Amino acid sequence: KSIEFKGLKLLSKYEIIDEVNMKVDEDYIVVDLE
């Protein structure tokens, strides 16, 4: 239901998330772990 980043100082979380294969399914985020 949520994604939390820890330790980021220079990178934006969106720089990383935008590259990851995922989709929204109802109230959940389905993340491709590979």
All heavy atoms as atom14 arrays in JSON, in Angstrom:
{
  "sequence": "KSIEFKGLKLLSKYEIIDEVNMKVDEDYIVVDLE",
  "atom14_mask": [
    [1, 1, 1, 1, 1, 1, 1, 1, 1, 0, 0, 0, 0, 0],
    [1, 1, 1, 1, 1, 1, 0, 0, 0, 0, 0, 0, 0, 0],
    [1, 1, 1, 1, 1, 1, 1, 1, 0, 0, 0, 0, 0, 0],
    [1, 1, 1, 1, 1, 1, 1, 1, 1, 0, 0, 0, 0, 0],
    [1, 1, 1, 1, 1, 1, 1, 1, 1, 1, 1, 0, 0, 0],
    [1, 1, 1, 1, 1, 1, 1, 1, 1, 0, 0, 0, 0, 0],
    [1, 1, 1, 1, 0, 0, 0, 0, 0, 0, 0, 0, 0, 0],
    [1, 1, 1, 1, 1, 1, 1, 1, 0, 0, 0, 0, 0, 0],
    [1, 1, 1, 1, 1, 1, 1, 1, 1, 0, 0, 0, 0, 0],
    [1, 1, 1, 1, 1, 1, 1, 1, 0, 0, 0, 0, 0, 0],
    [1, 1, 1, 1, 1, 1, 1, 1, 0, 0, 0, 0, 0, 0],
    [1, 1, 1, 1, 1, 1, 0, 0, 0, 0, 0, 0, 0, 0],
    [1, 1, 1, 1, 1, 1, 1, 1, 1, 0, 0, 0, 0, 0],
    [1, 1, 1, 1, 1, 1, 1, 1, 1, 1, 1, 1, 0, 0],
    [1, 1, 1, 1, 1, 1, 1, 1, 1, 0, 0, 0, 0, 0],
    [1, 1, 1, 1, 1, 1, 1, 1, 0, 0, 0, 0, 0, 0],
    [1, 1, 1, 1, 1, 1, 1, 1, 0, 0, 0, 0, 0, 0],
    [1, 1, 1, 1, 1, 1, 1, 1, 0, 0, 0, 0, 0, 0],
    [1, 1, 1, 1, 1, 1, 1, 1, 1, 0, 0, 0, 0, 0],
    [1, 1, 1, 1, 1, 1, 1, 0, 0, 0, 0, 0, 0, 0],
    [1, 1, 1, 1, 1, 1, 1, 1, 0, 0, 0, 0, 0, 0],
    [1, 1, 1, 1, 1, 1, 1, 1, 0, 0, 0, 0, 0, 0],
    [1, 1, 1, 1, 1, 1, 1, 1, 1, 0, 0, 0, 0, 0],
    [1, 1, 1, 1, 1, 1, 1, 0, 0, 0, 0, 0, 0, 0],
    [1, 1, 1, 1, 1, 1, 1, 1, 0, 0, 0, 0, 0, 0],
    [1, 1, 1, 1, 1, 1, 1, 1, 1, 0, 0, 0, 0, 0],
    [1, 1, 1, 1, 1, 1, 1, 1, 0, 0, 0, 0, 0, 0],
    [1, 1, 1, 1, 1, 1, 1, 1, 1, 1, 1, 1, 0, 0],
    [1, 1, 1, 1, 1, 1, 1, 1, 0, 0, 0, 0, 0, 0],
    [1, 1, 1, 1, 1, 1, 1, 0, 0, 0, 0, 0, 0, 0],
    [1, 1, 1, 1, 1, 1, 1, 0, 0, 0, 0, 0, 0, 0],
    [1, 1, 1, 1, 1, 1, 1, 1, 0, 0, 0, 0, 0, 0],
    [1, 1, 1, 1, 1, 1, 1, 1, 0, 0, 0, 0, 0, 0],
    [1, 1, 1, 1, 1, 1, 1, 1, 1, 0, 0, 0, 0, 0]
  ],
  "atom14_positions": [
    [[0.82, -1.21, 0.0], [0.0, 0.0, 0.0], [0.85, 1.27, 0.0], [0.34, 2.36, -0.28], [-0.94, -0.01, 1.2], [-2.09, -1.0, 1.04], [-3.25, -0.67, 1.96], [-4.47, -1.53, 1.62], [-5.63, -1.25, 2.5], [0.0, 0.0, 0.0], [0.0, 0.0, 0.0], [0.0, 0.0, 0.0], [0.0, 0.0, 0.0], [0.0, 0.0, 0.0]],
    [[2.11, 1.14, 0.33], [2.99, 2.32, 0.31], [4.43, 1.89, 0.08], [4.8, 0.73, 0.34], [2.88, 3.12, 1.61], [3.36, 2.37, 2.7], [0.0, 0.0, 0.0], [0.0, 0.0, 0.0], [0.0, 0.0, 0.0], [0.0, 0.0, 0.0], [0.0, 0.0, 0.0], [0.0, 0.0, 0.0], [0.0, 0.0, 0.0], [0.0, 0.0, 0.0]],
    [[5.21, 2.83, -0.43], [6.63, 2.61, -0.66], [7.4, 3.7, 0.08], [7.12, 4.88, -0.08], [6.98, 2.66, -2.16], [6.18, 1.6, -2.93], [8.48, 2.47, -2.39], [6.35, 1.69, -4.43], [0.0, 0.0, 0.0], [0.0, 0.0, 0.0], [0.0, 0.0, 0.0], [0.0, 0.0, 0.0], [0.0, 0.0, 0.0], [0.0, 0.0, 0.0]],
    [[8.34, 3.29, 0.9], [9.09, 4.24, 1.72], [10.59, 4.11, 1.4], [11.13, 3.0, 1.35], [8.86, 3.96, 3.2], [9.6, 4.89, 4.14], [9.32, 4.6, 5.6], [8.38, 3.83, 5.88], [10.05, 5.13, 6.45], [0.0, 0.0, 0.0], [0.0, 0.0, 0.0], [0.0, 0.0, 0.0], [0.0, 0.0, 0.0], [0.0, 0.0, 0.0]],
    [[11.22, 5.26, 1.17], [12.66, 5.28, 0.94], [13.36, 5.84, 2.17], [12.92, 6.81, 2.76], [12.99, 6.16, -0.27], [12.69, 5.53, -1.6], [11.44, 5.64, -2.17], [13.65, 4.81, -2.27], [11.15, 5.05, -3.39], [13.39, 4.22, -3.5], [12.12, 4.34, -4.05], [0.0, 0.0, 0.0], [0.0, 0.0, 0.0], [0.0, 0.0, 0.0]],
    [[14.47, 5.23, 2.53], [15.29, 5.72, 3.63], [16.73, 5.9, 3.14], [17.23, 5.08, 2.38], [15.25, 4.76, 4.82], [13.88, 4.68, 5.48], [13.92, 3.82, 6.74], [12.57, 3.82, 7.44], [12.59, 3.01, 8.69], [0.0, 0.0, 0.0], [0.0, 0.0, 0.0], [0.0, 0.0, 0.0], [0.0, 0.0, 0.0], [0.0, 0.0, 0.0]],
    [[17.36, 6.97, 3.58], [18.76, 7.21, 3.25], [18.99, 8.12, 2.07], [20.14, 8.46, 1.76], [0.0, 0.0, 0.0], [0.0, 0.0, 0.0], [0.0, 0.0, 0.0], [0.0, 0.0, 0.0], [0.0, 0.0, 0.0], [0.0, 0.0, 0.0], [0.0, 0.0, 0.0], [0.0, 0.0, 0.0], [0.0, 0.0, 0.0], [0.0, 0.0, 0.0]],
    [[17.92, 8.55, 1.39], [18.11, 9.41, 0.22], [18.5, 10.82, 0.65], [17.84, 11.44, 1.47], [16.83, 9.47, -0.62], [16.4, 8.18, -1.33], [15.17, 8.43, -2.16], [17.53, 7.64, -2.2], [0.0, 0.0, 0.0], [0.0, 0.0, 0.0], [0.0, 0.0, 0.0], [0.0, 0.0, 0.0], [0.0, 0.0, 0.0], [0.0, 0.0, 0.0]],
    [[19.59, 11.31, 0.07], [20.03, 12.69, 0.31], [20.15, 13.47, -0.99], [19.84, 14.65, -1.05], [21.37, 12.68, 1.05], [21.31, 12.04, 2.43], [22.69, 11.97, 3.07], [22.62, 11.29, 4.42], [23.97, 11.14, 5.03], [0.0, 0.0, 0.0], [0.0, 0.0, 0.0], [0.0, 0.0, 0.0], [0.0, 0.0, 0.0], [0.0, 0.0, 0.0]],
    [[20.62, 12.8, -2.02], [20.83, 13.45, -3.31], [19.81, 13.02, -4.34], [19.34, 13.83, -5.13], [22.25, 13.14, -3.82], [23.4, 13.57, -2.91], [24.72, 13.06, -3.46], [23.44, 15.09, -2.78], [0.0, 0.0, 0.0], [0.0, 0.0, 0.0], [0.0, 0.0, 0.0], [0.0, 0.0, 0.0], [0.0, 0.0, 0.0], [0.0, 0.0, 0.0]],
    [[19.48, 11.76, -4.34], [18.52, 11.23, -5.3], [17.1, 11.59, -4.9], [16.78, 11.7, -3.72], [18.63, 9.7, -5.38], [19.72, 9.1, -6.25], [19.78, 7.6, -6.04], [19.49, 9.42, -7.71], [0.0, 0.0, 0.0], [0.0, 0.0, 0.0], [0.0, 0.0, 0.0], [0.0, 0.0, 0.0], [0.0, 0.0, 0.0], [0.0, 0.0, 0.0]],
    [[16.25, 11.73, -5.9], [14.82, 11.84, -5.67], [14.21, 10.45, -5.76], [14.61, 9.63, -6.59], [14.18, 12.75, -6.73], [12.79, 12.52, -6.81], [0.0, 0.0, 0.0], [0.0, 0.0, 0.0], [0.0, 0.0, 0.0], [0.0, 0.0, 0.0], [0.0, 0.0, 0.0], [0.0, 0.0, 0.0], [0.0, 0.0, 0.0], [0.0, 0.0, 0.0]],
    [[13.25, 10.15, -4.89], [12.59, 8.84, -4.93], [11.91, 8.61, -6.28], [11.81, 7.48, -6.76], [11.57, 8.73, -3.81], [10.57, 9.88, -3.75], [9.92, 9.96, -2.39], [9.09, 11.22, -2.23], [8.62, 11.43, -0.86], [0.0, 0.0, 0.0], [0.0, 0.0, 0.0], [0.0, 0.0, 0.0], [0.0, 0.0, 0.0], [0.0, 0.0, 0.0]],
    [[11.5, 9.71, -6.92], [10.82, 9.57, -8.21], [11.78, 9.17, -9.32], [11.37, 8.54, -10.29], [10.08, 10.87, -8.55], [9.05, 11.25, -7.52], [9.25, 12.31, -6.65], [7.88, 10.5, -7.37], [8.32, 12.64, -5.68], [6.94, 10.82, -6.39], [7.17, 11.9, -5.55], [6.26, 12.21, -4.59], [0.0, 0.0, 0.0], [0.0, 0.0, 0.0]],
    [[13.06, 9.55, -9.18], [14.06, 9.13, -10.17], [14.14, 7.61, -10.23], [14.37, 7.03, -11.29], [15.44, 9.69, -9.8], [15.59, 11.19, -9.96], [16.98, 11.66, -9.61], [17.95, 11.19, -10.24], [17.13, 12.48, -8.68], [0.0, 0.0, 0.0], [0.0, 0.0, 0.0], [0.0, 0.0, 0.0], [0.0, 0.0, 0.0], [0.0, 0.0, 0.0]],
    [[13.96, 6.97, -9.08], [14.05, 5.51, -9.0], [12.73, 4.87, -9.38], [12.66, 3.98, -10.23], [14.47, 5.09, -7.59], [15.81, 5.74, -7.22], [14.56, 3.56, -7.48], [16.17, 5.62, -5.77], [0.0, 0.0, 0.0], [0.0, 0.0, 0.0], [0.0, 0.0, 0.0], [0.0, 0.0, 0.0], [0.0, 0.0, 0.0], [0.0, 0.0, 0.0]],
    [[11.65, 5.33, -8.76], [10.33, 4.72, -8.95], [9.89, 4.77, -10.4], [9.27, 3.83, -10.92], [9.29, 5.42, -8.04], [9.43, 4.91, -6.61], [7.87, 5.18, -8.54], [9.12, 3.44, -6.44], [0.0, 0.0, 0.0], [0.0, 0.0, 0.0], [0.0, 0.0, 0.0], [0.0, 0.0, 0.0], [0.0, 0.0, 0.0], [0.0, 0.0, 0.0]],
    [[10.22, 5.87, -11.08], [9.78, 6.02, -12.47], [10.36, 4.95, -13.39], [9.83, 4.7, -14.48], [10.17, 7.41, -13.01], [9.28, 8.5, -12.46], [8.25, 8.17, -11.84], [9.61, 9.68, -12.64], [0.0, 0.0, 0.0], [0.0, 0.0, 0.0], [0.0, 0.0, 0.0], [0.0, 0.0, 0.0], [0.0, 0.0, 0.0], [0.0, 0.0, 0.0]],
    [[11.45, 4.31, -12.97], [12.09, 3.29, -13.78], [11.58, 1.88, -13.49], [11.85, 0.95, -14.25], [13.61, 3.33, -13.56], [14.27, 4.66, -13.87], [14.25, 4.99, -15.34], [14.3, 4.05, -16.15], [14.17, 6.19, -15.69], [0.0, 0.0, 0.0], [0.0, 0.0, 0.0], [0.0, 0.0, 0.0], [0.0, 0.0, 0.0], [0.0, 0.0, 0.0]],
    [[10.86, 1.72, -12.38], [10.47, 0.38, -11.93], [9.15, -0.05, -12.57], [8.22, 0.75, -12.7], [10.35, 0.35, -10.39], [9.89, -1.03, -9.91], [11.67, 0.72, -9.73], [0.0, 0.0, 0.0], [0.0, 0.0, 0.0], [0.0, 0.0, 0.0], [0.0, 0.0, 0.0], [0.0, 0.0, 0.0], [0.0, 0.0, 0.0], [0.0, 0.0, 0.0]],
    [[9.07, -1.3, -12.93], [7.85, -1.87, -13.5], [6.83, -2.09, -12.38], [7.06, -2.9, -11.47], [8.17, -3.18, -14.21], [7.0, -3.71, -15.01], [6.08, -2.97, -15.33], [7.03, -4.99, -15.31], [0.0, 0.0, 0.0], [0.0, 0.0, 0.0], [0.0, 0.0, 0.0], [0.0, 0.0, 0.0], [0.0, 0.0, 0.0], [0.0, 0.0, 0.0]],
    [[5.72, -1.36, -12.4], [4.69, -1.5, -11.36], [3.35, -1.04, -11.92], [3.27, -0.42, -12.99], [5.06, -0.69, -10.12], [5.16, 0.8, -10.35], [5.47, 1.71, -8.82], [7.09, 1.08, -8.39], [0.0, 0.0, 0.0], [0.0, 0.0, 0.0], [0.0, 0.0, 0.0], [0.0, 0.0, 0.0], [0.0, 0.0, 0.0], [0.0, 0.0, 0.0]],
    [[2.31, -1.34, -11.19], [0.98, -0.9, -11.58], [0.11, -0.74, -10.34], [0.41, -1.26, -9.26], [0.34, -1.89, -12.54], [0.01, -3.25, -11.93], [-0.62, -4.18, -12.96], [-0.98, -5.54, -12.34], [-1.59, -6.45, -13.33], [0.0, 0.0, 0.0], [0.0, 0.0, 0.0], [0.0, 0.0, 0.0], [0.0, 0.0, 0.0], [0.0, 0.0, 0.0]],
    [[-0.98, 0.01, -10.49], [-1.94, 0.2, -9.41], [-3.09, -0.77, -9.6], [-3.64, -0.9, -10.7], [-2.46, 1.65, -9.39], [-3.58, 1.8, -8.38], [-1.33, 2.62, -9.11], [0.0, 0.0, 0.0], [0.0, 0.0, 0.0], [0.0, 0.0, 0.0], [0.0, 0.0, 0.0], [0.0, 0.0, 0.0], [0.0, 0.0, 0.0], [0.0, 0.0, 0.0]],
    [[-3.43, -1.49, -8.55], [-4.54, -2.44, -8.56], [-5.41, -2.17, -7.36], [-5.06, -2.53, -6.22], [-3.99, -3.87, -8.53], [-5.11, -4.91, -8.63], [-6.26, -4.53, -8.93], [-4.81, -6.11, -8.42], [0.0, 0.0, 0.0], [0.0, 0.0, 0.0], [0.0, 0.0, 0.0], [0.0, 0.0, 0.0], [0.0, 0.0, 0.0], [0.0, 0.0, 0.0]],
    [[-6.54, -1.48, -7.6], [-7.44, -1.03, -6.52], [-6.64, -0.18, -5.53], [-6.08, 0.84, -5.91], [-8.1, -2.24, -5.85], [-9.0, -3.02, -6.81], [-9.65, -4.21, -6.16], [-9.25, -4.6, -5.05], [-10.57, -4.79, -6.79], [0.0, 0.0, 0.0], [0.0, 0.0, 0.0], [0.0, 0.0, 0.0], [0.0, 0.0, 0.0], [0.0, 0.0, 0.0]],
    [[-6.55, -0.58, -4.26], [-5.85, 0.23, -3.28], [-4.39, -0.2, -3.09], [-3.72, 0.25, -2.16], [-6.55, 0.14, -1.91], [-7.92, 0.81, -1.94], [-8.1, 1.72, -2.77], [-8.79, 0.41, -1.16], [0.0, 0.0, 0.0], [0.0, 0.0, 0.0], [0.0, 0.0, 0.0], [0.0, 0.0, 0.0], [0.0, 0.0, 0.0], [0.0, 0.0, 0.0]],
    [[-3.92, -1.05, -3.97], [-2.58, -1.57, -3.82], [-1.67, -1.14, -4.98], [-2.14, -0.83, -6.08], [-2.6, -3.11, -3.76], [-3.13, -3.65, -2.45], [-4.5, -3.86, -2.26], [-2.26, -3.95, -1.4], [-4.99, -4.35, -1.06], [-2.74, -4.45, -0.2], [-4.1, -4.65, -0.03], [-4.59, -5.13, 1.16], [0.0, 0.0, 0.0], [0.0, 0.0, 0.0]],
    [[-0.39, -1.15, -4.69], [0.63, -0.98, -5.72], [1.26, -2.35, -5.92], [1.73, -2.98, -4.96], [1.73, 0.01, -5.28], [1.1, 1.32, -4.81], [2.7, 0.26, -6.42], [2.06, 2.19, -4.03], [0.0, 0.0, 0.0], [0.0, 0.0, 0.0], [0.0, 0.0, 0.0], [0.0, 0.0, 0.0], [0.0, 0.0, 0.0], [0.0, 0.0, 0.0]],
    [[1.26, -2.81, -7.15], [1.86, -4.11, -7.47], [3.24, -3.83, -8.05], [3.37, -3.23, -9.12], [0.99, -4.9, -8.46], [1.61, -6.28, -8.71], [-0.44, -5.04, -7.95], [0.0, 0.0, 0.0], [0.0, 0.0, 0.0], [0.0, 0.0, 0.0], [0.0, 0.0, 0.0], [0.0, 0.0, 0.0], [0.0, 0.0, 0.0], [0.0, 0.0, 0.0]],
    [[4.26, -4.26, -7.33], [5.64, -3.96, -7.69], [6.33, -5.2, -8.24], [6.24, -6.29, -7.65], [6.44, -3.44, -6.47], [7.87, -3.06, -6.88], [5.72, -2.25, -5.84], [0.0, 0.0, 0.0], [0.0, 0.0, 0.0], [0.0, 0.0, 0.0], [0.0, 0.0, 0.0], [0.0, 0.0, 0.0], [0.0, 0.0, 0.0], [0.0, 0.0, 0.0]],
    [[6.98, -5.05, -9.36], [7.79, -6.12, -9.93], [9.14, -6.11, -9.21], [9.98, -5.24, -9.44], [7.97, -5.87, -11.43], [8.74, -6.98, -12.14], [9.49, -7.71, -11.45], [8.59, -7.11, -13.37], [0.0, 0.0, 0.0], [0.0, 0.0, 0.0], [0.0, 0.0, 0.0], [0.0, 0.0, 0.0], [0.0, 0.0, 0.0], [0.0, 0.0, 0.0]],
    [[9.36, -7.06, -8.32], [10.57, -7.07, -7.5], [11.83, -7.29, -8.32], [12.89, -6.76, -8.0], [10.45, -8.13, -6.41], [9.35, -7.89, -5.37], [9.38, -8.98, -4.32], [9.51, -6.52, -4.72], [0.0, 0.0, 0.0], [0.0, 0.0, 0.0], [0.0, 0.0, 0.0], [0.0, 0.0, 0.0], [0.0, 0.0, 0.0], [0.0, 0.0, 0.0]],
    [[11.72, -8.09, -9.37], [12.89, -8.3, -10.23], [13.3, -6.99, -10.89], [14.49, -6.65, -10.96], [12.59, -9.36, -11.29], [13.77, -9.66, -12.19], [13.47, -10.75, -13.21], [12.4, -11.38, -13.12], [14.31, -10.95, -14.1], [0.0, 0.0, 0.0], [0.0, 0.0, 0.0], [0.0, 0.0, 0.0], [0.0, 0.0, 0.0], [0.0, 0.0, 0.0]]
  ]
}
